[in-house]
């Protein structure tokens, strides 16, 4: 058995799925759709969480965030 990884443009995705679903039964054993944007975003937020847990990043309260953003905007 071999595995093929493809990237399909969003505009062609539905047509591609139709083609795949109409292939001879048993021809494809495992079919999985991955959204690369989701995977990248998931990795980013997992790293952010690790940084917070390890003390490498500071998690601000909503109030502290607002205060810092107000200061930032005034200094522009």
N, C-alpha and C. Protein backbone atom coordinates (compact mmCIF):
# COMPACT_ATOMS: atom_id res chain seq x y z
N UNK A 1 0.85 -1.18 0.00
CA UNK A 1 0.00 0.00 0.00
C UNK A 1 0.90 1.24 0.00
N UNK A 2 0.45 2.28 -0.69
CA UNK A 2 1.18 3.54 -0.75
C UNK A 2 0.27 4.68 -0.29
N UNK A 3 0.89 5.74 0.17
CA UNK A 3 0.15 6.91 0.63
C UNK A 3 0.49 8.09 -0.27
N UNK A 4 -0.52 8.85 -0.63
CA UNK A 4 -0.35 10.04 -1.46
C UNK A 4 -0.89 11.23 -0.68
N UNK A 5 -0.12 12.30 -0.67
CA UNK A 5 -0.57 13.54 -0.02
C UNK A 5 -0.78 14.58 -1.11
N UNK A 6 -1.94 15.21 -1.12
CA UNK A 6 -2.29 16.20 -2.14
C UNK A 6 -2.69 17.52 -1.50
N UNK A 7 -2.49 18.58 -2.24
CA UNK A 7 -3.03 19.88 -1.85
C UNK A 7 -4.01 20.28 -2.93
N UNK A 8 -5.23 20.64 -2.54
CA UNK A 8 -6.28 20.98 -3.48
C UNK A 8 -6.74 22.41 -3.19
N UNK A 9 -6.86 23.20 -4.24
CA UNK A 9 -7.34 24.57 -4.09
C UNK A 9 -8.75 24.56 -3.52
N UNK A 10 -9.08 25.53 -2.70
CA UNK A 10 -10.40 25.60 -2.08
C UNK A 10 -11.51 25.58 -3.12
N UNK A 11 -11.32 26.28 -4.22
CA UNK A 11 -12.37 26.37 -5.24
C UNK A 11 -12.63 25.04 -5.93
N UNK A 12 -11.67 24.12 -5.90
CA UNK A 12 -11.80 22.82 -6.54
C UNK A 12 -12.08 21.69 -5.56
N UNK A 13 -12.19 22.00 -4.29
CA UNK A 13 -12.27 20.97 -3.26
C UNK A 13 -13.50 20.08 -3.41
N UNK A 14 -14.67 20.67 -3.61
CA UNK A 14 -15.90 19.88 -3.72
C UNK A 14 -15.84 18.95 -4.93
N UNK A 15 -15.33 19.44 -6.05
CA UNK A 15 -15.20 18.59 -7.24
C UNK A 15 -14.24 17.44 -6.98
N UNK A 16 -13.16 17.73 -6.29
CA UNK A 16 -12.18 16.70 -5.96
C UNK A 16 -12.81 15.62 -5.08
N UNK A 17 -13.56 16.04 -4.07
CA UNK A 17 -14.22 15.07 -3.19
C UNK A 17 -15.20 14.20 -3.97
N UNK A 18 -15.91 14.79 -4.92
CA UNK A 18 -16.84 14.01 -5.75
C UNK A 18 -16.10 12.94 -6.53
N UNK A 19 -14.97 13.30 -7.10
CA UNK A 19 -14.16 12.34 -7.86
C UNK A 19 -13.69 11.22 -6.95
N UNK A 20 -13.15 11.56 -5.80
CA UNK A 20 -12.63 10.56 -4.86
C UNK A 20 -13.75 9.63 -4.40
N UNK A 21 -14.91 10.19 -4.10
CA UNK A 21 -16.03 9.38 -3.61
C UNK A 21 -16.59 8.45 -4.69
N UNK A 22 -16.34 8.73 -5.95
CA UNK A 22 -16.86 7.90 -7.04
C UNK A 22 -15.86 6.86 -7.53
N UNK A 23 -14.71 6.77 -6.91
CA UNK A 23 -13.74 5.75 -7.30
C UNK A 23 -14.24 4.36 -6.91
N UNK A 24 -13.69 3.38 -7.56
CA UNK A 24 -14.06 1.98 -7.31
C UNK A 24 -13.93 1.65 -5.82
N UNK A 25 -14.95 1.00 -5.26
CA UNK A 25 -14.91 0.62 -3.84
C UNK A 25 -13.69 -0.25 -3.57
N UNK A 26 -13.07 0.00 -2.43
CA UNK A 26 -11.90 -0.76 -2.02
C UNK A 26 -10.60 -0.20 -2.58
N UNK A 27 -10.71 0.75 -3.49
CA UNK A 27 -9.50 1.33 -4.09
C UNK A 27 -8.76 2.22 -3.08
N UNK A 28 -9.53 2.92 -2.26
CA UNK A 28 -8.95 3.78 -1.23
C UNK A 28 -9.38 3.24 0.12
N UNK A 29 -8.42 2.99 0.99
CA UNK A 29 -8.74 2.41 2.30
C UNK A 29 -8.89 3.46 3.39
N UNK A 30 -8.15 4.53 3.29
CA UNK A 30 -8.18 5.55 4.34
C UNK A 30 -8.20 6.91 3.65
N UNK A 31 -9.20 7.70 3.95
CA UNK A 31 -9.34 9.02 3.35
C UNK A 31 -9.46 10.03 4.47
N UNK A 32 -8.55 10.99 4.50
CA UNK A 32 -8.54 11.97 5.58
C UNK A 32 -8.31 13.35 4.99
N UNK A 33 -9.09 14.32 5.44
CA UNK A 33 -8.95 15.70 5.00
C UNK A 33 -8.33 16.50 6.14
N UNK A 34 -7.23 17.16 5.83
CA UNK A 34 -6.57 18.01 6.83
C UNK A 34 -6.58 19.44 6.32
N UNK A 35 -6.91 20.35 7.18
CA UNK A 35 -6.87 21.77 6.86
C UNK A 35 -5.55 22.30 7.37
N UNK A 36 -4.65 22.67 6.46
CA UNK A 36 -3.31 23.09 6.87
C UNK A 36 -3.35 24.35 7.73
N UNK A 37 -4.30 25.25 7.46
CA UNK A 37 -4.41 26.43 8.30
C UNK A 37 -4.76 26.05 9.73
N UNK A 38 -5.66 25.08 9.87
CA UNK A 38 -6.02 24.62 11.20
C UNK A 38 -4.81 24.02 11.92
N UNK A 39 -4.06 23.18 11.21
CA UNK A 39 -2.89 22.54 11.82
C UNK A 39 -1.85 23.58 12.24
N UNK A 40 -1.63 24.58 11.40
CA UNK A 40 -0.67 25.64 11.74
C UNK A 40 -1.15 26.44 12.94
N UNK A 41 -2.43 26.77 12.96
CA UNK A 41 -2.99 27.53 14.07
C UNK A 41 -2.94 26.72 15.35
N UNK A 42 -3.26 25.44 15.25
CA UNK A 42 -3.21 24.55 16.42
C UNK A 42 -1.79 24.50 16.98
N UNK A 43 -0.80 24.34 16.12
CA UNK A 43 0.60 24.30 16.56
C UNK A 43 1.01 25.61 17.23
N UNK A 44 0.58 26.73 16.63
CA UNK A 44 0.91 28.04 17.19
C UNK A 44 0.36 28.19 18.60
N UNK A 45 -0.93 27.86 18.78
CA UNK A 45 -1.54 28.03 20.09
C UNK A 45 -1.03 27.02 21.11
N UNK A 46 -0.68 25.82 20.66
CA UNK A 46 -0.05 24.86 21.58
C UNK A 46 1.28 25.38 22.07
N UNK A 47 2.05 26.01 21.17
CA UNK A 47 3.34 26.59 21.58
C UNK A 47 3.12 27.76 22.54
N UNK A 48 2.12 28.58 22.27
CA UNK A 48 1.80 29.70 23.17
C UNK A 48 1.45 29.18 24.56
N UNK A 49 0.65 28.14 24.63
CA UNK A 49 0.27 27.55 25.91
C UNK A 49 1.50 27.02 26.65
N UNK A 50 2.38 26.34 25.94
CA UNK A 50 3.62 25.84 26.56
C UNK A 50 4.46 26.99 27.10
N UNK A 51 4.56 28.08 26.31
CA UNK A 51 5.34 29.24 26.75
C UNK A 51 4.76 29.86 28.01
N UNK A 52 3.44 29.92 28.11
CA UNK A 52 2.79 30.45 29.31
C UNK A 52 3.05 29.54 30.50
N UNK A 53 2.88 28.24 30.28
CA UNK A 53 3.08 27.27 31.37
C UNK A 53 4.53 27.25 31.85
N UNK A 54 5.48 27.46 30.94
CA UNK A 54 6.91 27.45 31.29
C UNK A 54 7.40 28.79 31.82
N UNK A 55 6.53 29.81 31.81
CA UNK A 55 6.93 31.12 32.28
C UNK A 55 7.69 31.93 31.25
N UNK A 56 7.70 31.49 30.00
CA UNK A 56 8.40 32.23 28.94
C UNK A 56 7.55 33.35 28.36
N UNK A 57 6.25 33.31 28.61
CA UNK A 57 5.32 34.35 28.17
C UNK A 57 4.41 34.69 29.33
N UNK A 58 3.94 35.93 29.33
CA UNK A 58 3.07 36.38 30.40
C UNK A 58 1.63 36.40 29.89
N UNK A 59 0.72 35.84 30.65
CA UNK A 59 -0.70 35.87 30.33
C UNK A 59 -1.31 37.03 31.10
N UNK A 60 -1.86 38.00 30.36
CA UNK A 60 -2.41 39.20 30.98
C UNK A 60 -3.91 39.03 31.22
N UNK A 61 -4.37 39.68 32.28
CA UNK A 61 -5.82 39.76 32.48
C UNK A 61 -6.38 40.72 31.45
N UNK A 62 -7.69 40.68 31.26
CA UNK A 62 -8.32 41.58 30.28
C UNK A 62 -8.06 43.03 30.67
N UNK A 63 -8.12 43.32 31.95
CA UNK A 63 -7.89 44.70 32.42
C UNK A 63 -6.46 45.15 32.13
N UNK A 64 -5.47 44.31 32.45
CA UNK A 64 -4.08 44.67 32.21
C UNK A 64 -3.79 44.80 30.72
N UNK A 65 -4.39 43.93 29.92
CA UNK A 65 -4.24 44.02 28.48
C UNK A 65 -4.77 45.36 27.96
N UNK A 66 -5.95 45.75 28.43
CA UNK A 66 -6.55 47.03 28.01
C UNK A 66 -5.67 48.20 28.39
N UNK A 67 -5.12 48.16 29.60
CA UNK A 67 -4.24 49.24 30.05
C UNK A 67 -3.00 49.33 29.16
N UNK A 68 -2.39 48.20 28.89
CA UNK A 68 -1.18 48.20 28.05
C UNK A 68 -1.48 48.64 26.62
N UNK A 69 -2.62 48.22 26.09
CA UNK A 69 -2.99 48.64 24.73
C UNK A 69 -3.26 50.14 24.67
N UNK A 70 -3.91 50.68 25.69
CA UNK A 70 -4.15 52.13 25.74
C UNK A 70 -2.84 52.89 25.76
N UNK A 71 -1.88 52.43 26.57
CA UNK A 71 -0.54 53.06 26.61
C UNK A 71 0.14 52.97 25.25
N UNK A 72 0.04 51.82 24.63
CA UNK A 72 0.66 51.62 23.32
C UNK A 72 0.09 52.59 22.30
N UNK A 73 -1.24 52.71 22.26
CA UNK A 73 -1.89 53.60 21.30
C UNK A 73 -1.51 55.06 21.51
N UNK A 74 -1.38 55.48 22.78
CA UNK A 74 -1.00 56.85 23.08
C UNK A 74 0.42 57.15 22.63
N UNK A 75 1.27 56.13 22.63
CA UNK A 75 2.68 56.33 22.26
C UNK A 75 2.93 56.24 20.76
N UNK A 76 1.89 55.98 19.99
CA UNK A 76 2.07 55.89 18.52
C UNK A 76 2.35 57.24 17.91
